[in-house]
Amino acid sequence: MTTAVHRRTPAARRTDDEALRRQFDRDAIWDRLVKPGDRLPSATLLEADLGPIHLDRLRMTGPIVLVFFRYASSEPCNEILASYQRDLVPALAGGPAHLVAVSPQIPARLTEIKRRHDLGFFVASDVRHILIDAFNLGFHEPGADVLLGARRSILPFPAVVIADRTGTIRHVDVPHPAPARIQAAVRTLP
């Protein structure tokens, strides 16, 4: 005897199959993401106001905290960058760490978010996806190329990656962690 409890509609089966596929995709993604012990690639990013910044030069003077965000008009990204300005920048002041927000959006569009929140840290474009690809943080979002002003529709997962002065990745958080967690991770660096 079959009851309604045991019967599965085609729509319910499709939903379960999609959930399973998402689970597999997520697990495969997590296995590929940047991990502590990986290396920071030698890269030049385009800072919204300053032009080229060289990560190798920055790390010679201190650890680098990379905050990956999608684009300037993303409300969640605006909120996290504003909270990092309010709560993280003062905590890192006086220390050697460099805070760098990284987006695949073109630099001309990133100046808007930097000025709106009066961000006192680097806001840089990884328009060629050097870091995003090296860290496997990107995912395809149809139509994102229009928002980014770029040729590719790849957005980064919201993440924080911390590298020490040697270029070794010491800490990774996906999604964006609280400012206190970043501060604690920076304090543990040699």
N, C-alpha and C. Protein backbone atom coordinates (compact mmCIF):
# COMPACT_ATOMS: atom_id res chain seq x y z
N MET A 1 0.84 -1.18 0.00
CA MET A 1 0.00 0.00 0.00
C MET A 1 0.88 1.24 0.00
N THR A 2 0.56 2.19 -0.86
CA THR A 2 1.32 3.43 -0.94
C THR A 2 0.47 4.55 -0.38
N THR A 3 1.08 5.32 0.49
CA THR A 3 0.37 6.47 1.07
C THR A 3 0.97 7.75 0.51
N ALA A 4 0.29 8.83 0.76
CA ALA A 4 0.77 10.14 0.29
C ALA A 4 2.12 10.48 0.92
N VAL A 5 2.39 9.97 2.11
CA VAL A 5 3.65 10.25 2.78
C VAL A 5 4.81 9.63 2.00
N HIS A 6 4.62 8.47 1.40
CA HIS A 6 5.69 7.77 0.70
C HIS A 6 5.80 8.16 -0.77
N ARG A 7 4.77 8.75 -1.30
CA ARG A 7 4.76 9.13 -2.71
C ARG A 7 5.57 10.41 -2.89
N ARG A 8 6.38 10.45 -3.94
CA ARG A 8 7.18 11.64 -4.22
C ARG A 8 6.79 12.16 -5.59
N THR A 9 6.44 13.40 -5.65
CA THR A 9 6.08 14.00 -6.93
C THR A 9 7.34 14.27 -7.73
N PRO A 10 7.21 14.36 -9.04
CA PRO A 10 8.38 14.69 -9.86
C PRO A 10 9.02 16.02 -9.44
N ALA A 11 8.21 16.98 -9.04
CA ALA A 11 8.75 18.28 -8.61
C ALA A 11 9.59 18.12 -7.34
N ALA A 12 9.13 17.31 -6.39
CA ALA A 12 9.88 17.08 -5.15
C ALA A 12 11.19 16.36 -5.44
N ARG A 13 11.14 15.41 -6.37
CA ARG A 13 12.35 14.69 -6.75
C ARG A 13 13.36 15.64 -7.39
N ARG A 14 12.89 16.54 -8.26
CA ARG A 14 13.77 17.51 -8.91
C ARG A 14 14.40 18.43 -7.87
N THR A 15 13.62 18.85 -6.89
CA THR A 15 14.14 19.71 -5.83
C THR A 15 15.23 19.00 -5.04
N ASP A 16 15.00 17.73 -4.70
CA ASP A 16 16.01 16.95 -3.98
C ASP A 16 17.26 16.77 -4.83
N ASP A 17 17.09 16.51 -6.13
CA ASP A 17 18.23 16.34 -7.02
C ASP A 17 19.04 17.63 -7.13
N GLU A 18 18.35 18.75 -7.22
CA GLU A 18 19.04 20.04 -7.30
C GLU A 18 19.80 20.32 -6.01
N ALA A 19 19.21 19.99 -4.87
CA ALA A 19 19.89 20.18 -3.59
C ALA A 19 21.14 19.31 -3.52
N LEU A 20 21.04 18.09 -4.01
CA LEU A 20 22.18 17.19 -4.01
C LEU A 20 23.28 17.72 -4.93
N ARG A 21 22.90 18.22 -6.11
CA ARG A 21 23.90 18.80 -7.02
C ARG A 21 24.58 20.01 -6.39
N ARG A 22 23.78 20.85 -5.73
CA ARG A 22 24.37 22.01 -5.05
C ARG A 22 25.34 21.57 -3.97
N GLN A 23 24.98 20.51 -3.24
CA GLN A 23 25.87 19.97 -2.21
C GLN A 23 27.19 19.51 -2.82
N PHE A 24 27.12 18.78 -3.93
CA PHE A 24 28.35 18.32 -4.60
C PHE A 24 29.17 19.50 -5.09
N ASP A 25 28.49 20.48 -5.69
CA ASP A 25 29.20 21.66 -6.18
C ASP A 25 29.89 22.39 -5.03
N ARG A 26 29.15 22.54 -3.94
CA ARG A 26 29.72 23.25 -2.79
C ARG A 26 30.92 22.50 -2.23
N ASP A 27 30.80 21.20 -2.11
CA ASP A 27 31.91 20.41 -1.58
C ASP A 27 33.12 20.50 -2.50
N ALA A 28 32.91 20.45 -3.80
CA ALA A 28 34.02 20.56 -4.75
C ALA A 28 34.66 21.94 -4.66
N ILE A 29 33.86 22.96 -4.49
CA ILE A 29 34.38 24.31 -4.35
C ILE A 29 35.22 24.44 -3.09
N TRP A 30 34.72 23.95 -1.98
CA TRP A 30 35.46 24.08 -0.73
C TRP A 30 36.81 23.40 -0.82
N ASP A 31 36.88 22.29 -1.51
CA ASP A 31 38.15 21.58 -1.64
C ASP A 31 39.16 22.34 -2.48
N ARG A 32 38.69 23.18 -3.38
CA ARG A 32 39.59 23.91 -4.28
C ARG A 32 40.01 25.27 -3.75
N LEU A 33 39.29 25.82 -2.78
CA LEU A 33 39.58 27.18 -2.30
C LEU A 33 40.97 27.27 -1.69
N VAL A 34 41.49 28.48 -1.68
CA VAL A 34 42.77 28.77 -1.05
C VAL A 34 42.76 28.27 0.40
N LYS A 35 43.90 27.81 0.86
CA LYS A 35 44.02 27.27 2.22
C LYS A 35 45.29 27.81 2.88
N PRO A 36 45.33 27.82 4.20
CA PRO A 36 46.58 28.19 4.87
C PRO A 36 47.72 27.29 4.36
N GLY A 37 48.86 27.92 4.13
CA GLY A 37 50.01 27.22 3.59
C GLY A 37 50.21 27.49 2.10
N ASP A 38 49.14 27.90 1.40
CA ASP A 38 49.27 28.28 -0.01
C ASP A 38 50.10 29.56 -0.10
N ARG A 39 50.48 29.93 -1.30
CA ARG A 39 51.31 31.12 -1.52
C ARG A 39 50.51 32.26 -2.15
N LEU A 40 50.86 33.47 -1.73
CA LEU A 40 50.30 34.68 -2.32
C LEU A 40 51.01 34.91 -3.65
N PRO A 41 50.28 34.97 -4.76
CA PRO A 41 50.95 35.20 -6.04
C PRO A 41 51.52 36.62 -6.12
N SER A 42 52.55 36.75 -6.90
CA SER A 42 53.10 38.08 -7.17
C SER A 42 52.11 38.75 -8.11
N ALA A 43 51.47 39.80 -7.65
CA ALA A 43 50.42 40.44 -8.46
C ALA A 43 50.46 41.94 -8.27
N THR A 44 50.04 42.63 -9.31
CA THR A 44 49.86 44.07 -9.26
C THR A 44 48.37 44.33 -9.43
N LEU A 45 47.80 45.04 -8.47
CA LEU A 45 46.39 45.41 -8.52
C LEU A 45 46.30 46.89 -8.83
N LEU A 46 45.14 47.33 -9.29
CA LEU A 46 44.93 48.75 -9.58
C LEU A 46 44.08 49.37 -8.49
N GLU A 47 44.71 50.16 -7.64
CA GLU A 47 44.00 50.82 -6.54
C GLU A 47 43.15 51.94 -7.11
N ALA A 48 41.95 52.13 -6.55
CA ALA A 48 40.97 53.07 -7.09
C ALA A 48 41.51 54.49 -7.22
N ASP A 49 42.32 54.96 -6.28
CA ASP A 49 42.85 56.32 -6.33
C ASP A 49 44.34 56.38 -6.69
N LEU A 50 45.07 55.35 -6.35
CA LEU A 50 46.53 55.43 -6.44
C LEU A 50 47.14 54.78 -7.67
N GLY A 51 46.38 53.96 -8.38
CA GLY A 51 46.94 53.24 -9.52
C GLY A 51 47.55 51.92 -9.07
N PRO A 52 48.61 51.46 -9.74
CA PRO A 52 49.17 50.14 -9.45
C PRO A 52 49.73 50.02 -8.02
N ILE A 53 49.37 48.93 -7.35
CA ILE A 53 50.00 48.57 -6.08
C ILE A 53 50.53 47.15 -6.23
N HIS A 54 51.73 46.93 -5.77
CA HIS A 54 52.41 45.65 -5.92
C HIS A 54 52.36 44.89 -4.60
N LEU A 55 51.72 43.74 -4.61
CA LEU A 55 51.58 42.97 -3.38
C LEU A 55 52.93 42.56 -2.80
N ASP A 56 53.91 42.26 -3.66
CA ASP A 56 55.25 41.90 -3.17
C ASP A 56 55.87 43.05 -2.37
N ARG A 57 55.67 44.26 -2.81
CA ARG A 57 56.21 45.42 -2.08
C ARG A 57 55.46 45.64 -0.77
N LEU A 58 54.17 45.46 -0.80
CA LEU A 58 53.39 45.64 0.43
C LEU A 58 53.81 44.64 1.49
N ARG A 59 53.96 43.38 1.11
CA ARG A 59 54.26 42.36 2.11
C ARG A 59 55.66 42.50 2.69
N MET A 60 56.54 43.24 2.02
CA MET A 60 57.87 43.49 2.58
C MET A 60 57.78 44.33 3.85
N THR A 61 56.71 45.10 3.98
CA THR A 61 56.56 45.97 5.14
C THR A 61 55.52 45.48 6.14
N GLY A 62 54.83 44.38 5.83
CA GLY A 62 53.86 43.84 6.77
C GLY A 62 52.94 42.83 6.14
N PRO A 63 52.19 42.13 6.96
CA PRO A 63 51.22 41.16 6.43
C PRO A 63 50.14 41.88 5.62
N ILE A 64 49.47 41.11 4.78
CA ILE A 64 48.42 41.66 3.92
C ILE A 64 47.10 40.96 4.23
N VAL A 65 46.08 41.76 4.49
CA VAL A 65 44.72 41.27 4.71
C VAL A 65 43.93 41.62 3.46
N LEU A 66 43.58 40.60 2.68
CA LEU A 66 42.82 40.78 1.44
C LEU A 66 41.35 40.50 1.70
N VAL A 67 40.52 41.47 1.42
CA VAL A 67 39.07 41.34 1.60
C VAL A 67 38.44 41.32 0.21
N PHE A 68 37.96 40.16 -0.21
CA PHE A 68 37.37 40.04 -1.54
C PHE A 68 35.89 40.41 -1.47
N PHE A 69 35.49 41.31 -2.36
CA PHE A 69 34.09 41.72 -2.43
C PHE A 69 33.67 41.81 -3.89
N ARG A 70 32.37 41.85 -4.13
CA ARG A 70 31.85 41.74 -5.50
C ARG A 70 31.99 43.02 -6.31
N TYR A 71 31.30 44.08 -5.91
CA TYR A 71 31.33 45.32 -6.69
C TYR A 71 30.78 46.44 -5.82
N ALA A 72 31.02 47.68 -6.26
CA ALA A 72 30.73 48.86 -5.45
C ALA A 72 29.26 49.05 -5.10
N SER A 73 28.34 48.63 -5.95
CA SER A 73 26.93 48.87 -5.66
C SER A 73 26.25 47.72 -4.92
N SER A 74 27.00 46.70 -4.53
CA SER A 74 26.44 45.59 -3.76
C SER A 74 26.22 46.02 -2.32
N GLU A 75 24.98 45.97 -1.88
CA GLU A 75 24.65 46.42 -0.52
C GLU A 75 25.38 45.62 0.57
N PRO A 76 25.41 44.28 0.49
CA PRO A 76 26.16 43.54 1.51
C PRO A 76 27.65 43.91 1.53
N CYS A 77 28.22 44.17 0.36
CA CYS A 77 29.63 44.57 0.29
C CYS A 77 29.83 45.95 0.91
N ASN A 78 28.90 46.85 0.65
CA ASN A 78 28.97 48.17 1.26
C ASN A 78 28.94 48.07 2.78
N GLU A 79 28.07 47.23 3.28
CA GLU A 79 27.95 47.07 4.73
C GLU A 79 29.22 46.51 5.35
N ILE A 80 29.81 45.49 4.72
CA ILE A 80 31.00 44.88 5.31
C ILE A 80 32.20 45.83 5.24
N LEU A 81 32.37 46.53 4.12
CA LEU A 81 33.50 47.45 4.01
C LEU A 81 33.35 48.62 4.99
N ALA A 82 32.13 49.11 5.16
CA ALA A 82 31.91 50.18 6.13
C ALA A 82 32.19 49.69 7.55
N SER A 83 31.80 48.46 7.86
CA SER A 83 32.06 47.94 9.21
C SER A 83 33.56 47.72 9.42
N TYR A 84 34.28 47.30 8.38
CA TYR A 84 35.73 47.14 8.51
C TYR A 84 36.40 48.50 8.72
N GLN A 85 35.91 49.53 8.05
CA GLN A 85 36.44 50.87 8.25
C GLN A 85 36.20 51.32 9.69
N ARG A 86 35.01 51.09 10.18
CA ARG A 86 34.63 51.53 11.52
C ARG A 86 35.31 50.72 12.62
N ASP A 87 35.37 49.38 12.46
CA ASP A 87 35.81 48.53 13.56
C ASP A 87 37.18 47.88 13.39
N LEU A 88 37.63 47.69 12.15
CA LEU A 88 38.90 47.00 11.93
C LEU A 88 40.06 47.96 11.73
N VAL A 89 39.86 49.00 10.97
CA VAL A 89 40.94 49.94 10.69
C VAL A 89 41.54 50.51 11.99
N PRO A 90 40.71 50.97 12.93
CA PRO A 90 41.32 51.47 14.18
C PRO A 90 42.08 50.37 14.95
N ALA A 91 41.59 49.15 14.89
CA ALA A 91 42.25 48.05 15.60
C ALA A 91 43.60 47.70 14.97
N LEU A 92 43.73 47.89 13.66
CA LEU A 92 44.98 47.59 12.97
C LEU A 92 45.94 48.79 12.94
N ALA A 93 45.43 49.97 13.31
CA ALA A 93 46.26 51.18 13.25
C ALA A 93 47.50 51.02 14.12
N GLY A 94 48.59 51.50 13.60
CA GLY A 94 49.85 51.42 14.33
C GLY A 94 50.58 50.11 14.13
N GLY A 95 49.91 49.13 13.54
CA GLY A 95 50.54 47.85 13.24
C GLY A 95 51.01 47.83 11.80
N PRO A 96 51.73 46.80 11.42
CA PRO A 96 52.27 46.75 10.07
C PRO A 96 51.32 46.19 9.00
N ALA A 97 50.16 45.66 9.38
CA ALA A 97 49.28 44.99 8.41
C ALA A 97 48.67 45.98 7.43
N HIS A 98 48.56 45.53 6.18
CA HIS A 98 47.93 46.31 5.12
C HIS A 98 46.57 45.70 4.82
N LEU A 99 45.53 46.51 4.85
CA LEU A 99 44.18 46.07 4.51
C LEU A 99 43.90 46.45 3.07
N VAL A 100 43.55 45.45 2.25
CA VAL A 100 43.31 45.69 0.83
C VAL A 100 41.98 45.02 0.45
N ALA A 101 41.00 45.84 0.07
CA ALA A 101 39.73 45.31 -0.44
C ALA A 101 39.91 45.06 -1.94
N VAL A 102 39.50 43.88 -2.40
CA VAL A 102 39.76 43.47 -3.78
C VAL A 102 38.45 43.09 -4.47
N SER A 103 38.24 43.67 -5.66
CA SER A 103 37.05 43.39 -6.47
C SER A 103 37.48 43.24 -7.93
N PRO A 104 36.74 42.47 -8.73
CA PRO A 104 37.04 42.41 -10.16
C PRO A 104 36.48 43.61 -10.93
N GLN A 105 35.84 44.54 -10.24
CA GLN A 105 35.27 45.72 -10.90
C GLN A 105 36.40 46.67 -11.32
N ILE A 106 36.18 47.40 -12.40
CA ILE A 106 37.21 48.32 -12.89
C ILE A 106 37.44 49.43 -11.85
N PRO A 107 38.68 49.96 -11.77
CA PRO A 107 39.02 50.95 -10.74
C PRO A 107 38.12 52.19 -10.76
N ALA A 108 37.74 52.65 -11.93
CA ALA A 108 36.92 53.87 -12.02
C ALA A 108 35.60 53.71 -11.27
N ARG A 109 35.06 52.52 -11.23
CA ARG A 109 33.79 52.29 -10.52
C ARG A 109 34.01 52.03 -9.03
N LEU A 110 35.23 51.66 -8.65
CA LEU A 110 35.52 51.40 -7.24
C LEU A 110 35.73 52.68 -6.45
N THR A 111 36.08 53.78 -7.12
CA THR A 111 36.28 55.04 -6.40
C THR A 111 35.01 55.47 -5.67
N GLU A 112 33.85 55.11 -6.24
CA GLU A 112 32.57 55.49 -5.64
C GLU A 112 32.41 54.91 -4.24
N ILE A 113 32.71 53.63 -4.07
CA ILE A 113 32.54 53.00 -2.76
C ILE A 113 33.60 53.51 -1.78
N LYS A 114 34.78 53.76 -2.27
CA LYS A 114 35.86 54.25 -1.41
C LYS A 114 35.52 55.63 -0.86
N ARG A 115 35.00 56.48 -1.71
CA ARG A 115 34.67 57.85 -1.27
C ARG A 115 33.39 57.89 -0.44
N ARG A 116 32.41 57.08 -0.81
CA ARG A 116 31.14 57.10 -0.08
C ARG A 116 31.35 56.75 1.39
N HIS A 117 32.22 55.78 1.66
CA HIS A 117 32.46 55.35 3.04
C HIS A 117 33.75 55.91 3.62
N ASP A 118 34.40 56.79 2.88
CA ASP A 118 35.67 57.39 3.31
C ASP A 118 36.62 56.30 3.83
N LEU A 119 36.82 55.29 2.97
CA LEU A 119 37.63 54.14 3.36
C LEU A 119 39.10 54.53 3.44
N GLY A 120 39.71 54.21 4.57
CA GLY A 120 41.10 54.55 4.82
C GLY A 120 42.04 53.40 4.50
N PHE A 121 41.62 52.50 3.64
CA PHE A 121 42.47 51.39 3.23
C PHE A 121 42.40 51.26 1.71
N PHE A 122 43.29 50.43 1.17
CA PHE A 122 43.33 50.24 -0.28
C PHE A 122 42.04 49.58 -0.76
N VAL A 123 41.50 50.08 -1.87
CA VAL A 123 40.38 49.46 -2.57
C VAL A 123 40.88 49.23 -3.98
N ALA A 124 41.12 47.97 -4.32
CA ALA A 124 41.84 47.66 -5.55
C ALA A 124 41.05 46.74 -6.48
N SER A 125 41.37 46.89 -7.75
CA SER A 125 40.73 46.09 -8.79
C SER A 125 41.65 44.93 -9.19
N ASP A 126 41.05 43.75 -9.25
CA ASP A 126 41.71 42.56 -9.78
C ASP A 126 40.98 42.22 -11.07
N VAL A 127 40.97 43.17 -11.99
CA VAL A 127 40.18 43.04 -13.21
C VAL A 127 40.64 41.87 -14.08
N ARG A 128 41.90 41.47 -13.95
CA ARG A 128 42.39 40.32 -14.71
C ARG A 128 42.24 39.02 -13.93
N HIS A 129 41.65 39.06 -12.74
CA HIS A 129 41.35 37.89 -11.91
C HIS A 129 42.59 37.10 -11.50
N ILE A 130 43.71 37.78 -11.32
CA ILE A 130 44.94 37.10 -10.93
C ILE A 130 44.77 36.43 -9.58
N LEU A 131 44.33 37.19 -8.58
CA LEU A 131 44.15 36.62 -7.24
C LEU A 131 42.90 35.74 -7.17
N ILE A 132 41.83 36.21 -7.77
CA ILE A 132 40.57 35.46 -7.72
C ILE A 132 40.76 34.07 -8.31
N ASP A 133 41.46 33.98 -9.44
CA ASP A 133 41.72 32.68 -10.06
C ASP A 133 42.73 31.86 -9.26
N ALA A 134 43.81 32.50 -8.80
CA ALA A 134 44.84 31.78 -8.04
C ALA A 134 44.26 31.18 -6.77
N PHE A 135 43.32 31.87 -6.16
CA PHE A 135 42.71 31.40 -4.90
C PHE A 135 41.44 30.60 -5.14
N ASN A 136 41.03 30.43 -6.39
CA ASN A 136 39.80 29.71 -6.74
C ASN A 136 38.57 30.28 -6.02
N LEU A 137 38.50 31.58 -5.96
CA LEU A 137 37.40 32.24 -5.26
C LEU A 137 36.29 32.70 -6.20
N GLY A 138 36.45 32.51 -7.51
CA GLY A 138 35.48 33.05 -8.45
C GLY A 138 34.35 32.11 -8.81
N PHE A 139 33.22 32.70 -9.14
CA PHE A 139 32.09 31.95 -9.67
C PHE A 139 31.44 32.79 -10.78
N HIS A 140 30.87 32.10 -11.74
CA HIS A 140 30.25 32.77 -12.89
C HIS A 140 28.88 33.32 -12.50
N GLU A 141 28.68 34.59 -12.81
CA GLU A 141 27.39 35.24 -12.57
C GLU A 141 26.98 35.93 -13.87
N PRO A 142 26.03 35.35 -14.62
CA PRO A 142 25.64 35.95 -15.89
C PRO A 142 25.26 37.42 -15.74
N GLY A 143 25.81 38.23 -16.63
CA GLY A 143 25.52 39.66 -16.62
C GLY A 143 26.40 40.49 -15.72
N ALA A 144 27.25 39.86 -14.94
CA ALA A 144 28.12 40.61 -14.03
C ALA A 144 29.11 41.49 -14.78
N ASP A 145 29.44 41.11 -16.01
CA ASP A 145 30.39 41.90 -16.79
C ASP A 145 29.92 43.34 -16.96
N VAL A 146 28.62 43.55 -17.02
CA VAL A 146 28.07 44.90 -17.17
C VAL A 146 28.31 45.70 -15.89
N LEU A 147 28.03 45.11 -14.74
CA LEU A 147 28.26 45.79 -13.46
C LEU A 147 29.74 46.06 -13.22
N LEU A 148 30.57 45.09 -13.60
CA LEU A 148 32.00 45.19 -13.34
C LEU A 148 32.71 46.12 -14.31
N GLY A 149 32.13 46.30 -15.50
CA GLY A 149 32.81 47.07 -16.54
C GLY A 149 33.97 46.28 -17.12
N ALA A 150 33.89 44.98 -17.01
CA ALA A 150 34.98 44.10 -17.44
C ALA A 150 34.48 43.13 -18.50
N ARG A 151 35.36 42.30 -18.98
CA ARG A 151 35.00 41.35 -20.04
C ARG A 151 34.45 40.04 -19.51
N ARG A 152 34.68 39.75 -18.24
CA ARG A 152 34.26 38.47 -17.68
C ARG A 152 33.14 38.68 -16.66
N SER A 153 32.31 37.68 -16.52
CA SER A 153 31.21 37.71 -15.55
C SER A 153 31.56 36.84 -14.34
N ILE A 154 32.74 37.05 -13.79
CA ILE A 154 33.20 36.27 -12.64
C ILE A 154 33.20 37.17 -11.41
N LEU A 155 32.54 36.71 -10.36
CA LEU A 155 32.53 37.42 -9.08
C LEU A 155 33.24 36.55 -8.04
N PRO A 156 33.85 37.17 -7.03
CA PRO A 156 34.49 36.38 -5.99
C PRO A 156 33.51 36.04 -4.87
N PHE A 157 33.75 34.91 -4.24
CA PHE A 157 33.03 34.61 -2.99
C PHE A 157 33.49 35.65 -1.97
N PRO A 158 32.61 36.06 -1.07
CA PRO A 158 33.05 37.00 -0.03
C PRO A 158 34.04 36.28 0.88
N ALA A 159 35.27 36.76 0.90
CA ALA A 159 36.32 36.06 1.63
C ALA A 159 37.35 37.04 2.17
N VAL A 160 38.06 36.58 3.19
CA VAL A 160 39.22 37.29 3.72
C VAL A 160 40.38 36.30 3.70
N VAL A 161 41.49 36.73 3.09
CA VAL A 161 42.70 35.93 3.00
C VAL A 161 43.84 36.75 3.60
N ILE A 162 44.54 36.16 4.55
CA ILE A 162 45.63 36.87 5.22
C ILE A 162 46.95 36.17 4.91
N ALA A 163 47.90 36.96 4.39
CA ALA A 163 49.23 36.45 4.07
C ALA A 163 50.27 37.14 4.95
N ASP A 164 51.28 36.37 5.37
CA ASP A 164 52.34 36.96 6.17
C ASP A 164 53.39 37.62 5.27
N ARG A 165 54.46 38.12 5.86
CA ARG A 165 55.49 38.83 5.10
C ARG A 165 56.23 37.95 4.10
N THR A 166 56.19 36.65 4.30
CA THR A 166 56.87 35.74 3.37
C THR A 166 55.98 35.40 2.17
N GLY A 167 54.72 35.81 2.22
CA GLY A 167 53.78 35.49 1.15
C GLY A 167 53.03 34.19 1.38
N THR A 168 53.16 33.63 2.57
CA THR A 168 52.44 32.40 2.91
C THR A 168 51.06 32.75 3.45
N ILE A 169 50.05 32.09 2.93
CA ILE A 169 48.68 32.31 3.42
C ILE A 169 48.59 31.69 4.81
N ARG A 170 48.15 32.49 5.77
CA ARG A 170 48.05 32.03 7.16
C ARG A 170 46.62 31.87 7.64
N HIS A 171 45.69 32.54 6.98
CA HIS A 171 44.30 32.52 7.46
C HIS A 171 43.36 32.75 6.27
N VAL A 172 42.27 31.99 6.24
CA VAL A 172 41.25 32.15 5.20
C VAL A 172 39.88 32.05 5.87
N ASP A 173 39.00 32.97 5.53
CA ASP A 173 37.62 32.94 6.03
C ASP A 173 36.67 33.20 4.88
N VAL A 174 35.69 32.33 4.71
CA VAL A 174 34.61 32.50 3.74
C VAL A 174 33.33 32.17 4.48
N PRO A 175 32.36 33.05 4.56
CA PRO A 175 32.29 34.42 4.07
C PRO A 175 33.07 35.37 4.98
N HIS A 176 32.84 36.68 4.78
CA HIS A 176 33.56 37.69 5.55
C HIS A 176 33.37 37.47 7.05
N PRO A 177 34.46 37.43 7.80
CA PRO A 177 34.36 37.28 9.25
C PRO A 177 34.17 38.63 9.94
N ALA A 178 33.89 38.57 11.22
CA ALA A 178 33.77 39.78 12.03
C ALA A 178 35.15 40.42 12.14
N PRO A 179 35.21 41.74 12.30
CA PRO A 179 36.50 42.43 12.44
C PRO A 179 37.38 41.86 13.56
N ALA A 180 36.78 41.47 14.67
CA ALA A 180 37.57 40.94 15.79
C ALA A 180 38.30 39.65 15.39
N ARG A 181 37.69 38.85 14.56
CA ARG A 181 38.32 37.60 14.11
C ARG A 181 39.54 37.90 13.23
N ILE A 182 39.43 38.90 12.37
CA ILE A 182 40.56 39.29 11.52
C ILE A 182 41.69 39.85 12.39
N GLN A 183 41.33 40.69 13.32
CA GLN A 183 42.33 41.27 14.22
C GLN A 183 43.06 40.17 14.98
N ALA A 184 42.34 39.20 15.48
CA ALA A 184 42.95 38.08 16.22
C ALA A 184 43.90 37.29 15.31
N ALA A 185 43.50 37.07 14.06
CA ALA A 185 44.35 36.32 13.12
C ALA A 185 45.62 37.10 12.81
N VAL A 186 45.52 38.41 12.66
CA VAL A 186 46.70 39.24 12.38
C VAL A 186 47.66 39.20 13.57
N ARG A 187 47.12 39.24 14.78
CA ARG A 187 47.97 39.22 15.98
C ARG A 187 48.79 37.95 16.11
N THR A 188 48.33 36.85 15.52
CA THR A 188 49.07 35.58 15.63
C THR A 188 50.20 35.45 14.62
N LEU A 189 50.29 36.41 13.69
CA LEU A 189 51.33 36.33 12.66
C LEU A 189 52.71 36.62 13.23
N PRO A 190 53.72 35.92 12.73
CA PRO A 190 55.09 36.18 13.21
C PRO A 190 55.59 37.54 12.78
